[in-house]
Amino acid sequence: MKFQKLVSLLEGNLLTDHNVDDREIAGAMGADLMSDVLASIEPEAVLLTGLCNPQVVRTAQIADIQTIVFVRGKNPDKETIKIANQENIPLVSTDKGLFEACGILFNAGLPSFETTTTDDCSD
């Protein structure tokens, strides 16, 4: 899916200085725990999250995430935007919630890029 289509579908606002109209998004994952993202996202995905601190951008660098979408109208601080600009990771904000935003992208044909983990939640 082209970046501009993603932004349009989510009625999003681009927060960074990138010219990324031709960027291709291969899949998506929604999460607020960066440990889950590192454990289960595939490269070249868009990450949808309600967490908006610099750690999200650092996680995106490590996990080869193409774009970060902040849900529920959240906007990161200037430091987070600065880091994203330096690392060429576009940031988008949407008023839509995480569940709705993921559903919109999935219904538009964007596949899940969340892999299965073997983490046991019983601890």
PDB file of N, CA and C in Angstrom:
ATOM      1  N   MET A   1       0.846  -1.170   0.000  1.00  0.00           N
ATOM      2  CA  MET A   1       0.000   0.000   0.000  1.00  0.00           C
ATOM      3  C   MET A   1       0.895   1.238   0.000  1.00  0.00           C
ATOM      4  N   LYS A   2       0.559   2.186  -0.821  1.00  0.00           N
ATOM      5  CA  LYS A   2       1.311   3.438  -0.860  1.00  0.00           C
ATOM      6  C   LYS A   2       1.055   4.251   0.417  1.00  0.00           C
ATOM      7  N   PHE A   3       2.082   4.933   0.852  1.00  0.00           N
ATOM      8  CA  PHE A   3       2.026   5.743   2.064  1.00  0.00           C
ATOM      9  C   PHE A   3       0.855   6.721   2.035  1.00  0.00           C
ATOM     10  N   GLN A   4       0.683   7.428   0.925  1.00  0.00           N
ATOM     11  CA  GLN A   4      -0.393   8.433   0.842  1.00  0.00           C
ATOM     12  C   GLN A   4      -1.769   7.804   0.992  1.00  0.00           C
ATOM     13  N   LYS A   5      -1.955   6.593   0.479  1.00  0.00           N
ATOM     14  CA  LYS A   5      -3.238   5.915   0.643  1.00  0.00           C
ATOM     15  C   LYS A   5      -3.473   5.599   2.110  1.00  0.00           C
ATOM     16  N   LEU A   6      -2.448   5.139   2.808  1.00  0.00           N
ATOM     17  CA  LEU A   6      -2.555   4.860   4.230  1.00  0.00           C
ATOM     18  C   LEU A   6      -2.986   6.107   4.997  1.00  0.00           C
ATOM     19  N   VAL A   7      -2.326   7.218   4.730  1.00  0.00           N
ATOM     20  CA  VAL A   7      -2.659   8.476   5.411  1.00  0.00           C
ATOM     21  C   VAL A   7      -4.097   8.884   5.098  1.00  0.00           C
ATOM     22  N   SER A   8      -4.488   8.742   3.858  1.00  0.00           N
ATOM     23  CA  SER A   8      -5.843   9.100   3.454  1.00  0.00           C
ATOM     24  C   SER A   8      -6.892   8.225   4.134  1.00  0.00           C
ATOM     25  N   LEU A   9      -6.676   6.911   4.137  1.00  0.00           N
ATOM     26  CA  LEU A   9      -7.620   5.989   4.757  1.00  0.00           C
ATOM     27  C   LEU A   9      -7.819   6.282   6.242  1.00  0.00           C
ATOM     28  N   LEU A  10      -6.745   6.674   6.908  1.00  0.00           N
ATOM     29  CA  LEU A  10      -6.809   6.944   8.346  1.00  0.00           C
ATOM     30  C   LEU A  10      -7.142   8.398   8.666  1.00  0.00           C
ATOM     31  N   GLU A  11      -7.342   9.196   7.602  1.00  0.00           N
ATOM     32  CA  GLU A  11      -7.584  10.634   7.786  1.00  0.00           C
ATOM     33  C   GLU A  11      -6.498  11.207   8.695  1.00  0.00           C
ATOM     34  N   GLY A  12      -5.257  10.826   8.370  1.00  0.00           N
ATOM     35  CA  GLY A  12      -4.120  11.169   9.209  1.00  0.00           C
ATOM     36  C   GLY A  12      -3.448  12.473   8.831  1.00  0.00           C
ATOM     37  N   ASN A  13      -2.582  12.908   9.739  1.00  0.00           N
ATOM     38  CA  ASN A  13      -1.770  14.099   9.530  1.00  0.00           C
ATOM     39  C   ASN A  13      -0.305  13.714   9.621  1.00  0.00           C
ATOM     40  N   LEU A  14       0.484  14.060   8.605  1.00  0.00           N
ATOM     41  CA  LEU A  14       1.914  13.801   8.616  1.00  0.00           C
ATOM     42  C   LEU A  14       2.581  14.782   9.575  1.00  0.00           C
ATOM     43  N   LEU A  15       3.372  14.262  10.509  1.00  0.00           N
ATOM     44  CA  LEU A  15       4.003  15.085  11.537  1.00  0.00           C
ATOM     45  C   LEU A  15       5.466  15.381  11.256  1.00  0.00           C
ATOM     46  N   THR A  16       6.070  14.643  10.343  1.00  0.00           N
ATOM     47  CA  THR A  16       7.491  14.800  10.041  1.00  0.00           C
ATOM     48  C   THR A  16       7.675  15.502   8.702  1.00  0.00           C
ATOM     49  N   ASP A  17       8.925  15.776   8.374  1.00  0.00           N
ATOM     50  CA  ASP A  17       9.269  16.565   7.186  1.00  0.00           C
ATOM     51  C   ASP A  17       9.536  15.730   5.946  1.00  0.00           C
ATOM     52  N   HIS A  18       9.124  14.504   5.931  1.00  0.00           N
ATOM     53  CA  HIS A  18       9.486  13.600   4.842  1.00  0.00           C
ATOM     54  C   HIS A  18       8.603  13.768   3.613  1.00  0.00           C
ATOM     55  N   ASN A  19       9.221  13.588   2.458  1.00  0.00           N
ATOM     56  CA  ASN A  19       8.478  13.480   1.212  1.00  0.00           C
ATOM     57  C   ASN A  19       8.419  11.989   0.898  1.00  0.00           C
ATOM     58  N   VAL A  20       7.344  11.345   1.324  1.00  0.00           N
ATOM     59  CA  VAL A  20       7.271   9.886   1.274  1.00  0.00           C
ATOM     60  C   VAL A  20       6.083   9.393   0.461  1.00  0.00           C
ATOM     61  N   ASP A  21       5.632  10.177  -0.475  1.00  0.00           N
ATOM     62  CA  ASP A  21       4.460   9.805  -1.257  1.00  0.00           C
ATOM     63  C   ASP A  21       4.612   8.448  -1.933  1.00  0.00           C
ATOM     64  N   ASP A  22       5.831   8.080  -2.320  1.00  0.00           N
ATOM     65  CA  ASP A  22       6.050   6.830  -3.047  1.00  0.00           C
ATOM     66  C   ASP A  22       6.443   5.668  -2.143  1.00  0.00           C
ATOM     67  N   ARG A  23       6.547   5.920  -0.844  1.00  0.00           N
ATOM     68  CA  ARG A  23       6.940   4.854   0.084  1.00  0.00           C
ATOM     69  C   ARG A  23       5.879   3.755   0.077  1.00  0.00           C
ATOM     70  N   GLU A  24       6.356   2.520   0.039  1.00  0.00           N
ATOM     71  CA  GLU A  24       5.461   1.365   0.022  1.00  0.00           C
ATOM     72  C   GLU A  24       5.407   0.750   1.417  1.00  0.00           C
ATOM     73  N   ILE A  25       4.206   0.533   1.912  1.00  0.00           N
ATOM     74  CA  ILE A  25       3.985  -0.111   3.202  1.00  0.00           C
ATOM     75  C   ILE A  25       3.539  -1.543   2.921  1.00  0.00           C
ATOM     76  N   ALA A  26       4.276  -2.513   3.456  1.00  0.00           N
ATOM     77  CA  ALA A  26       4.008  -3.912   3.126  1.00  0.00           C
ATOM     78  C   ALA A  26       3.005  -4.578   4.061  1.00  0.00           C
ATOM     79  N   GLY A  27       2.903  -4.102   5.297  1.00  0.00           N
ATOM     80  CA  GLY A  27       2.008  -4.710   6.269  1.00  0.00           C
ATOM     81  C   GLY A  27       1.915  -3.836   7.498  1.00  0.00           C
ATOM     82  N   ALA A  28       1.172  -4.287   8.513  1.00  0.00           N
ATOM     83  CA  ALA A  28       0.943  -3.462   9.693  1.00  0.00           C
ATOM     84  C   ALA A  28       0.868  -4.297  10.963  1.00  0.00           C
ATOM     85  N   MET A  29       1.094  -3.602  12.079  1.00  0.00           N
ATOM     86  CA  MET A  29       0.925  -4.184  13.406  1.00  0.00           C
ATOM     87  C   MET A  29       0.475  -3.085  14.346  1.00  0.00           C
ATOM     88  N   GLY A  30      -0.415  -3.414  15.259  1.00  0.00           N
ATOM     89  CA  GLY A  30      -0.839  -2.474  16.285  1.00  0.00           C
ATOM     90  C   GLY A  30      -0.379  -2.958  17.643  1.00  0.00           C
ATOM     91  N   ALA A  31       0.327  -2.091  18.397  1.00  0.00           N
ATOM     92  CA  ALA A  31       0.816  -2.474  19.731  1.00  0.00           C
ATOM     93  C   ALA A  31       1.235  -1.240  20.513  1.00  0.00           C
ATOM     94  N   ASP A  32       1.150  -1.357  21.839  1.00  0.00           N
ATOM     95  CA  ASP A  32       1.648  -0.306  22.726  1.00  0.00           C
ATOM     96  C   ASP A  32       2.867  -0.750  23.535  1.00  0.00           C
ATOM     97  N   LEU A  33       3.137  -2.023  23.580  1.00  0.00           N
ATOM     98  CA  LEU A  33       4.317  -2.531  24.272  1.00  0.00           C
ATOM     99  C   LEU A  33       5.443  -2.733  23.264  1.00  0.00           C
ATOM    100  N   MET A  34       6.514  -1.966  23.414  1.00  0.00           N
ATOM    101  CA  MET A  34       7.602  -2.049  22.452  1.00  0.00           C
ATOM    102  C   MET A  34       8.303  -3.402  22.522  1.00  0.00           C
ATOM    103  N   SER A  35       8.248  -4.084  23.651  1.00  0.00           N
ATOM    104  CA  SER A  35       8.813  -5.431  23.719  1.00  0.00           C
ATOM    105  C   SER A  35       8.027  -6.381  22.816  1.00  0.00           C
ATOM    106  N   ASP A  36       6.703  -6.211  22.739  1.00  0.00           N
ATOM    107  CA  ASP A  36       5.899  -7.010  21.814  1.00  0.00           C
ATOM    108  C   ASP A  36       6.269  -6.705  20.368  1.00  0.00           C
ATOM    109  N   VAL A  37       6.496  -5.431  20.083  1.00  0.00           N
ATOM    110  CA  VAL A  37       6.866  -5.033  18.726  1.00  0.00           C
ATOM    111  C   VAL A  37       8.181  -5.697  18.334  1.00  0.00           C
ATOM    112  N   LEU A  38       9.176  -5.605  19.184  1.00  0.00           N
ATOM    113  CA  LEU A  38      10.479  -6.195  18.870  1.00  0.00           C
ATOM    114  C   LEU A  38      10.400  -7.708  18.726  1.00  0.00           C
ATOM    115  N   ALA A  39       9.504  -8.335  19.473  1.00  0.00           N
ATOM    116  CA  ALA A  39       9.399  -9.790  19.442  1.00  0.00           C
ATOM    117  C   ALA A  39       8.585 -10.310  18.271  1.00  0.00           C
ATOM    118  N   SER A  40       7.719  -9.455  17.684  1.00  0.00           N
ATOM    119  CA  SER A  40       6.768 -10.057  16.742  1.00  0.00           C
ATOM    120  C   SER A  40       6.457  -9.274  15.471  1.00  0.00           C
ATOM    121  N   ILE A  41       7.141  -8.189  15.175  1.00  0.00           N
ATOM    122  CA  ILE A  41       6.834  -7.459  13.943  1.00  0.00           C
ATOM    123  C   ILE A  41       7.788  -7.880  12.831  1.00  0.00           C
ATOM    124  N   GLU A  42       7.268  -7.914  11.623  1.00  0.00           N
ATOM    125  CA  GLU A  42       8.088  -8.185  10.449  1.00  0.00           C
ATOM    126  C   GLU A  42       8.598  -6.867   9.881  1.00  0.00           C
ATOM    127  N   PRO A  43       9.753  -6.872   9.211  1.00  0.00           N
ATOM    128  CA  PRO A  43      10.301  -5.639   8.626  1.00  0.00           C
ATOM    129  C   PRO A  43       9.358  -5.018   7.587  1.00  0.00           C
ATOM    130  N   GLU A  44       9.529  -3.710   7.386  1.00  0.00           N
ATOM    131  CA  GLU A  44       8.820  -2.912   6.385  1.00  0.00           C
ATOM    132  C   GLU A  44       7.348  -2.718   6.707  1.00  0.00           C
ATOM    133  N   ALA A  45       7.005  -2.807   7.984  1.00  0.00           N
ATOM    134  CA  ALA A  45       5.619  -2.623   8.414  1.00  0.00           C
ATOM    135  C   ALA A  45       5.389  -1.193   8.881  1.00  0.00           C
ATOM    136  N   VAL A  46       4.118  -0.865   9.017  1.00  0.00           N
ATOM    137  CA  VAL A  46       3.716   0.338   9.720  1.00  0.00           C
ATOM    138  C   VAL A  46       3.319  -0.105  11.121  1.00  0.00           C
ATOM    139  N   LEU A  47       3.729   0.656  12.119  1.00  0.00           N
ATOM    140  CA  LEU A  47       3.360   0.392  13.496  1.00  0.00           C
ATOM    141  C   LEU A  47       2.289   1.387  13.908  1.00  0.00           C
ATOM    142  N   LEU A  48       1.160   0.881  14.373  1.00  0.00           N
ATOM    143  CA  LEU A  48       0.102   1.720  14.924  1.00  0.00           C
ATOM    144  C   LEU A  48       0.168   1.600  16.435  1.00  0.00           C
ATOM    145  N   THR A  49       0.218   2.734  17.137  1.00  0.00           N
ATOM    146  CA  THR A  49       0.428   2.712  18.576  1.00  0.00           C
ATOM    147  C   THR A  49      -0.141   3.959  19.241  1.00  0.00           C
ATOM    148  N   GLY A  50      -0.428   3.823  20.518  1.00  0.00           N
ATOM    149  CA  GLY A  50      -0.834   4.965  21.326  1.00  0.00           C
ATOM    150  C   GLY A  50       0.305   5.486  22.170  1.00  0.00           C
ATOM    151  N   LEU A  51       1.445   4.833  22.104  1.00  0.00           N
ATOM    152  CA  LEU A  51       2.624   5.246  22.855  1.00  0.00           C
ATOM    153  C   LEU A  51       3.399   6.255  22.021  1.00  0.00           C
ATOM    154  N   CYS A  52       3.648   7.423  22.558  1.00  0.00           N
ATOM    155  CA  CYS A  52       4.323   8.434  21.719  1.00  0.00           C
ATOM    156  C   CYS A  52       5.493   9.090  22.450  1.00  0.00           C
ATOM    157  N   ASN A  53       6.528   8.299  22.642  1.00  0.00           N
ATOM    158  CA  ASN A  53       7.770   8.815  23.206  1.00  0.00           C
ATOM    159  C   ASN A  53       8.932   8.435  22.292  1.00  0.00           C
ATOM    160  N   PRO A  54      10.124   8.953  22.548  1.00  0.00           N
ATOM    161  CA  PRO A  54      11.256   8.653  21.658  1.00  0.00           C
ATOM    162  C   PRO A  54      11.566   7.163  21.530  1.00  0.00           C
ATOM    163  N   GLN A  55      11.216   6.368  22.538  1.00  0.00           N
ATOM    164  CA  GLN A  55      11.491   4.930  22.484  1.00  0.00           C
ATOM    165  C   GLN A  55      10.788   4.252  21.312  1.00  0.00           C
ATOM    166  N   VAL A  56       9.624   4.791  20.914  1.00  0.00           N
ATOM    167  CA  VAL A  56       8.898   4.221  19.771  1.00  0.00           C
ATOM    168  C   VAL A  56       9.728   4.358  18.499  1.00  0.00           C
ATOM    169  N   VAL A  57      10.352   5.502  18.320  1.00  0.00           N
ATOM    170  CA  VAL A  57      11.182   5.714  17.130  1.00  0.00           C
ATOM    171  C   VAL A  57      12.430   4.842  17.197  1.00  0.00           C
ATOM    172  N   ARG A  58      13.025   4.710  18.367  1.00  0.00           N
ATOM    173  CA  ARG A  58      14.205   3.846  18.521  1.00  0.00           C
ATOM    174  C   ARG A  58      13.838   2.389  18.220  1.00  0.00           C
ATOM    175  N   THR A  59      12.676   1.976  18.665  1.00  0.00           N
ATOM    176  CA  THR A  59      12.204   0.625  18.364  1.00  0.00           C
ATOM    177  C   THR A  59      12.004   0.454  16.862  1.00  0.00           C
ATOM    178  N   ALA A  60      11.449   1.468  16.219  1.00  0.00           N
ATOM    179  CA  ALA A  60      11.231   1.425  14.768  1.00  0.00           C
ATOM    180  C   ALA A  60      12.549   1.268  14.024  1.00  0.00           C
ATOM    181  N   GLN A  61      13.592   1.938  14.491  1.00  0.00           N
ATOM    182  CA  GLN A  61      14.905   1.798  13.869  1.00  0.00           C
ATOM    183  C   GLN A  61      15.379   0.348  13.934  1.00  0.00           C
ATOM    184  N   ILE A  62      15.297  -0.232  15.101  1.00  0.00           N
ATOM    185  CA  ILE A  62      15.787  -1.592  15.311  1.00  0.00           C
ATOM    186  C   ILE A  62      14.984  -2.606  14.496  1.00  0.00           C
ATOM    187  N   ALA A  63      13.668  -2.403  14.425  1.00  0.00           N
ATOM    188  CA  ALA A  63      12.773  -3.384  13.804  1.00  0.00           C
ATOM    189  C   ALA A  63      12.501  -3.110  12.319  1.00  0.00           C
ATOM    190  N   ASP A  64      13.163  -2.127  11.732  1.00  0.00           N
ATOM    191  CA  ASP A  64      12.970  -1.780  10.314  1.00  0.00           C
ATOM    192  C   ASP A  64      11.503  -1.465  10.004  1.00  0.00           C
ATOM    193  N   ILE A  65      10.911  -0.634  10.856  1.00  0.00           N
ATOM    194  CA  ILE A  65       9.527  -0.184  10.674  1.00  0.00           C
ATOM    195  C   ILE A  65       9.534   1.009   9.723  1.00  0.00           C
ATOM    196  N   GLN A  66       8.648   0.996   8.740  1.00  0.00           N
ATOM    197  CA  GLN A  66       8.610   2.023   7.702  1.00  0.00           C
ATOM    198  C   GLN A  66       7.941   3.319   8.145  1.00  0.00           C
ATOM    199  N   THR A  67       6.931   3.216   8.992  1.00  0.00           N
ATOM    200  CA  THR A  67       6.123   4.374   9.392  1.00  0.00           C
ATOM    201  C   THR A  67       5.529   4.090  10.762  1.00  0.00           C
ATOM    202  N   ILE A  68       5.321   5.142  11.540  1.00  0.00           N
ATOM    203  CA  ILE A  68       4.633   5.027  12.818  1.00  0.00           C
ATOM    204  C   ILE A  68       3.369   5.867  12.759  1.00  0.00           C
ATOM    205  N   VAL A  69       2.236   5.261  13.133  1.00  0.00           N
ATOM    206  CA  VAL A  69       0.965   5.974  13.205  1.00  0.00           C
ATOM    207  C   VAL A  69       0.549   6.045  14.666  1.00  0.00           C
ATOM    208  N   PHE A  70       0.370   7.252  15.170  1.00  0.00           N
ATOM    209  CA  PHE A  70      -0.109   7.463  16.523  1.00  0.00           C
ATOM    210  C   PHE A  70      -1.628   7.573  16.486  1.00  0.00           C
ATOM    211  N   VAL A  71      -2.289   6.754  17.267  1.00  0.00           N
ATOM    212  CA  VAL A  71      -3.756   6.675  17.258  1.00  0.00           C
ATOM    213  C   VAL A  71      -4.354   7.549  18.363  1.00  0.00           C
ATOM    214  N   ARG A  72      -5.671   7.661  18.347  1.00  0.00           N
ATOM    215  CA  ARG A  72      -6.437   8.405  19.354  1.00  0.00           C
ATOM    216  C   ARG A  72      -6.027   9.872  19.429  1.00  0.00           C
ATOM    217  N   GLY A  73      -5.587  10.432  18.312  1.00  0.00           N
ATOM    218  CA  GLY A  73      -5.242  11.847  18.253  1.00  0.00           C
ATOM    219  C   GLY A  73      -3.986  12.229  18.999  1.00  0.00           C
ATOM    220  N   LYS A  74      -3.187  11.257  19.355  1.00  0.00           N
ATOM    221  CA  LYS A  74      -1.966  11.550  20.108  1.00  0.00           C
ATOM    222  C   LYS A  74      -0.904  12.143  19.194  1.00  0.00           C
ATOM    223  N   ASN A  75      -0.117  13.050  19.771  1.00  0.00           N
ATOM    224  CA  ASN A  75       0.975  13.688  19.052  1.00  0.00           C
ATOM    225  C   ASN A  75       2.233  13.629  19.900  1.00  0.00           C
ATOM    226  N   PRO A  76       3.334  13.169  19.335  1.00  0.00           N
ATOM    227  CA  PRO A  76       4.584  13.081  20.092  1.00  0.00           C
ATOM    228  C   PRO A  76       5.178  14.462  20.330  1.00  0.00           C
ATOM    229  N   ASP A  77       6.120  14.525  21.266  1.00  0.00           N
ATOM    230  CA  ASP A  77       6.795  15.796  21.542  1.00  0.00           C
ATOM    231  C   ASP A  77       7.805  16.123  20.447  1.00  0.00           C
ATOM    232  N   LYS A  78       8.365  17.315  20.516  1.00  0.00           N
ATOM    233  CA  LYS A  78       9.297  17.785  19.485  1.00  0.00           C
ATOM    234  C   LYS A  78      10.538  16.908  19.381  1.00  0.00           C
ATOM    235  N   GLU A  79      11.013  16.395  20.506  1.00  0.00           N
ATOM    236  CA  GLU A  79      12.203  15.540  20.488  1.00  0.00           C
ATOM    237  C   GLU A  79      11.954  14.257  19.690  1.00  0.00           C
ATOM    238  N   THR A  80      10.795  13.659  19.876  1.00  0.00           N
ATOM    239  CA  THR A  80      10.448  12.441  19.146  1.00  0.00           C
ATOM    240  C   THR A  80      10.354  12.718  17.652  1.00  0.00           C
ATOM    241  N   ILE A  81       9.748  13.828  17.291  1.00  0.00           N
ATOM    242  CA  ILE A  81       9.641  14.209  15.872  1.00  0.00           C
ATOM    243  C   ILE A  81      11.032  14.471  15.290  1.00  0.00           C
ATOM    244  N   LYS A  82      11.882  15.115  16.056  1.00  0.00           N
ATOM    245  CA  LYS A  82      13.251  15.396  15.595  1.00  0.00           C
ATOM    246  C   LYS A  82      13.998  14.101  15.302  1.00  0.00           C
ATOM    247  N   ILE A  83      13.911  13.142  16.218  1.00  0.00           N
ATOM    248  CA  ILE A  83      14.591  11.852  16.020  1.00  0.00           C
ATOM    249  C   ILE A  83      14.033  11.146  14.785  1.00  0.00           C
ATOM    250  N   ALA A  84      12.719  11.166  14.615  1.00  0.00           N
ATOM    251  CA  ALA A  84      12.099  10.520  13.448  1.00  0.00           C
ATOM    252  C   ALA A  84      12.569  11.178  12.153  1.00  0.00           C
ATOM    253  N   ASN A  85      12.678  12.492  12.144  1.00  0.00           N
ATOM    254  CA  ASN A  85      13.187  13.182  10.953  1.00  0.00           C
ATOM    255  C   ASN A  85      14.622  12.753  10.658  1.00  0.00           C
ATOM    256  N   GLN A  86      15.447  12.658  11.689  1.00  0.00           N
ATOM    257  CA  GLN A  86      16.847  12.257  11.510  1.00  0.00           C
ATOM    258  C   GLN A  86      16.955  10.830  10.984  1.00  0.00           C
ATOM    259  N   GLU A  87      16.047   9.972  11.406  1.00  0.00           N
ATOM    260  CA  GLU A  87      16.100   8.556  11.038  1.00  0.00           C
ATOM    261  C   GLU A  87      15.246   8.205   9.821  1.00  0.00           C
ATOM    262  N   ASN A  88      14.621   9.222   9.218  1.00  0.00           N
ATOM    263  CA  ASN A  88      13.790   9.039   8.030  1.00  0.00           C
ATOM    264  C   ASN A  88      12.628   8.069   8.283  1.00  0.00           C
ATOM    265  N   ILE A  89      11.985   8.241   9.428  1.00  0.00           N
ATOM    266  CA  ILE A  89      10.815   7.443   9.778  1.00  0.00           C
ATOM    267  C   ILE A  89       9.623   8.387   9.871  1.00  0.00           C
ATOM    268  N   PRO A  90       8.714   8.332   8.913  1.00  0.00           N
ATOM    269  CA  PRO A  90       7.561   9.227   8.949  1.00  0.00           C
ATOM    270  C   PRO A  90       6.651   8.933  10.134  1.00  0.00           C
ATOM    271  N   LEU A  91       6.143  10.001  10.733  1.00  0.00           N
ATOM    272  CA  LEU A  91       5.185   9.901  11.817  1.00  0.00           C
ATOM    273  C   LEU A  91       3.858  10.476  11.353  1.00  0.00           C
ATOM    274  N   VAL A  92       2.774   9.774  11.678  1.00  0.00           N
ATOM    275  CA  VAL A  92       1.428  10.183  11.298  1.00  0.00           C
ATOM    276  C   VAL A  92       0.567  10.130  12.548  1.00  0.00           C
ATOM    277  N   SER A  93      -0.360  11.063  12.667  1.00  0.00           N
ATOM    278  CA  SER A  93      -1.327  11.028  13.758  1.00  0.00           C
ATOM    279  C   SER A  93      -2.726  10.892  13.167  1.00  0.00           C
ATOM    280  N   THR A  94      -3.566  10.066  13.811  1.00  0.00           N
ATOM    281  CA  THR A  94      -4.956   9.912  13.411  1.00  0.00           C
ATOM    282  C   THR A  94      -5.838   9.986  14.652  1.00  0.00           C
ATOM    283  N   ASP A  95      -7.029  10.488  14.491  1.00  0.00           N
ATOM    284  CA  ASP A  95      -7.983  10.529  15.595  1.00  0.00           C
ATOM    285  C   ASP A  95      -8.625   9.172  15.846  1.00  0.00           C
ATOM    286  N   LYS A  96      -8.447   8.259  14.941  1.00  0.00           N
ATOM    287  CA  LYS A  96      -9.061   6.937  15.072  1.00  0.00           C
ATOM    288  C   LYS A  96      -8.369   6.132  16.180  1.00  0.00           C
ATOM    289  N   GLY A  97      -9.112   5.239  16.810  1.00  0.00           N
ATOM    290  CA  GLY A  97      -8.544   4.365  17.820  1.00  0.00           C
ATOM    291  C   GLY A  97      -7.732   3.257  17.193  1.00  0.00           C
ATOM    292  N   LEU A  98      -6.982   2.548  18.005  1.00  0.00           N
ATOM    293  CA  LEU A  98      -6.102   1.490  17.517  1.00  0.00           C
ATOM    294  C   LEU A  98      -6.877   0.392  16.799  1.00  0.00           C
ATOM    295  N   PHE A  99      -7.957  -0.073  17.398  1.00  0.00           N
ATOM    296  CA  PHE A  99      -8.749  -1.150  16.806  1.00  0.00           C
ATOM    297  C   PHE A  99      -9.336  -0.715  15.463  1.00  0.00           C
ATOM    298  N   GLU A 100      -9.910   0.476  15.428  1.00  0.00           N
ATOM    299  CA  GLU A 100     -10.530   0.968  14.191  1.00  0.00           C
ATOM    300  C   GLU A 100      -9.486   1.190  13.100  1.00  0.00           C
ATOM    301  N   ALA A 101      -8.370   1.805  13.450  1.00  0.00           N
ATOM    302  CA  ALA A 101      -7.332   2.092  12.456  1.00  0.00           C
ATOM    303  C   ALA A 101      -6.770   0.799  11.863  1.00  0.00           C
ATOM    304  N   CYS A 102      -6.506  -0.187  12.712  1.00  0.00           N
ATOM    305  CA  CYS A 102      -6.017  -1.476  12.207  1.00  0.00           C
ATOM    306  C   CYS A 102      -7.055  -2.124  11.295  1.00  0.00           C
ATOM    307  N   GLY A 103      -8.330  -2.048  11.685  1.00  0.00           N
ATOM    308  CA  GLY A 103      -9.400  -2.628  10.873  1.00  0.00           C
ATOM    309  C   GLY A 103      -9.521  -1.973   9.517  1.00  0.00           C
ATOM    310  N   ILE A 104      -9.398  -0.665   9.483  1.00  0.00           N
ATOM    311  CA  ILE A 104      -9.472   0.071   8.216  1.00  0.00           C
ATOM    312  C   ILE A 104      -8.364  -0.395   7.274  1.00  0.00           C
ATOM    313  N   LEU A 105      -7.157  -0.471   7.775  1.00  0.00           N
ATOM    314  CA  LEU A 105      -6.029  -0.881   6.931  1.00  0.00           C
ATOM    315  C   LEU A 105      -6.148  -2.335   6.501  1.00  0.00           C
ATOM    316  N   PHE A 106      -6.585  -3.197   7.406  1.00  0.00           N
ATOM    317  CA  PHE A 106      -6.767  -4.609   7.068  1.00  0.00           C
ATOM    318  C   PHE A 106      -7.846  -4.768   5.998  1.00  0.00           C
ATOM    319  N   ASN A 107      -8.961  -4.065   6.144  1.00  0.00           N
ATOM    320  CA  ASN A 107     -10.042  -4.139   5.160  1.00  0.00           C
ATOM    321  C   ASN A 107      -9.643  -3.568   3.807  1.00  0.00           C
ATOM    322  N   ALA A 108      -8.648  -2.682   3.801  1.00  0.00           N
ATOM    323  CA  ALA A 108      -8.155  -2.107   2.550  1.00  0.00           C
ATOM    324  C   ALA A 108      -7.105  -3.007   1.893  1.00  0.00           C
ATOM    325  N   GLY A 109      -6.832  -4.158   2.515  1.00  0.00           N
ATOM    326  CA  GLY A 109      -5.919  -5.112   1.899  1.00  0.00           C
ATOM    327  C   GLY A 109      -4.524  -5.159   2.485  1.00  0.00           C
ATOM    328  N   LEU A 110      -4.228  -4.362   3.505  1.00  0.00           N
ATOM    329  CA  LEU A 110      -2.902  -4.387   4.107  1.00  0.00           C
ATOM    330  C   LEU A 110      -2.826  -5.579   5.070  1.00  0.00           C
ATOM    331  N   PRO A 111      -1.882  -6.490   4.860  1.00  0.00           N
ATOM    332  CA  PRO A 111      -1.818  -7.686   5.702  1.00  0.00           C
ATOM    333  C   PRO A 111      -1.219  -7.400   7.077  1.00  0.00           C
ATOM    334  N   SER A 112      -1.504  -8.297   8.004  1.00  0.00           N
ATOM    335  CA  SER A 112      -0.879  -8.250   9.325  1.00  0.00           C
ATOM    336  C   SER A 112       0.580  -8.646   9.194  1.00  0.00           C
ATOM    337  N   PHE A 113       1.446  -7.878   9.822  1.00  0.00           N
ATOM    338  CA  PHE A 113       2.867  -8.220   9.881  1.00  0.00           C
ATOM    339  C   PHE A 113       3.256  -8.566  11.311  1.00  0.00           C
ATOM    340  N   GLU A 114       2.314  -9.128  12.046  1.00  0.00           N
ATOM    341  CA  GLU A 114       2.563  -9.569  13.406  1.00  0.00           C
ATOM    342  C   GLU A 114       2.772 -11.077  13.384  1.00  0.00           C
ATOM    343  N   THR A 115       3.923 -11.500  13.833  1.00  0.00           N
ATOM    344  CA  THR A 115       4.224 -12.923  13.859  1.00  0.00           C
ATOM    345  C   THR A 115       3.843 -13.506  15.215  1.00  0.00           C
ATOM    346  N   THR A 116       3.677 -14.796  15.269  1.00  0.00           N
ATOM    347  CA  THR A 116       3.351 -15.480  16.501  1.00  0.00           C
ATOM    348  C   THR A 116       4.599 -15.610  17.370  1.00  0.00           C
ATOM    349  N   THR A 117       4.426 -15.353  18.654  1.00  0.00           N
ATOM    350  CA  THR A 117       5.534 -15.533  19.592  1.00  0.00           C
ATOM    351  C   THR A 117       5.205 -16.691  20.522  1.00  0.00           C
ATOM    352  N   THR A 118       6.189 -17.121  21.236  1.00  0.00           N
ATOM    353  CA  THR A 118       5.987 -18.217  22.185  1.00  0.00           C
ATOM    354  C   THR A 118       5.973 -17.717  23.617  1.00  0.00           C
ATOM    355  N   ASP A 119       5.766 -16.410  23.804  1.00  0.00           N
ATOM    356  CA  ASP A 119       5.731 -15.855  25.157  1.00  0.00           C
ATOM    357  C   ASP A 119       4.580 -16.455  25.945  1.00  0.00           C
ATOM    358  N   ASP A 120       4.873 -16.787  27.181  1.00  0.00           N
ATOM    359  CA  ASP A 120       3.867 -17.338  28.082  1.00  0.00           C
ATOM    360  C   ASP A 120       3.437 -16.243  29.040  1.00  0.00           C
ATOM    361  N   CYS A 121       2.184 -15.912  29.069  1.00  0.00           N
ATOM    362  CA  CYS A 121       1.654 -14.835  29.910  1.00  0.00           C
ATOM    363  C   CYS A 121       1.341 -15.297  31.324  1.00  0.00           C
ATOM    364  N   SER A 122       1.608 -16.538  31.665  1.00  0.00           N
ATOM    365  CA  SER A 122       1.231 -17.057  32.980  1.00  0.00           C
ATOM    366  C   SER A 122       2.209 -16.670  34.087  1.00  0.00           C
ATOM    367  N   ASP A 123       3.332 -16.070  33.736  1.00  0.00           N
ATOM    368  CA  ASP A 123       4.317 -15.693  34.760  1.00  0.00           C
ATOM    369  C   ASP A 123       3.889 -14.487  35.539  1.00  0.00           C
TER     370      ASP A 123
END
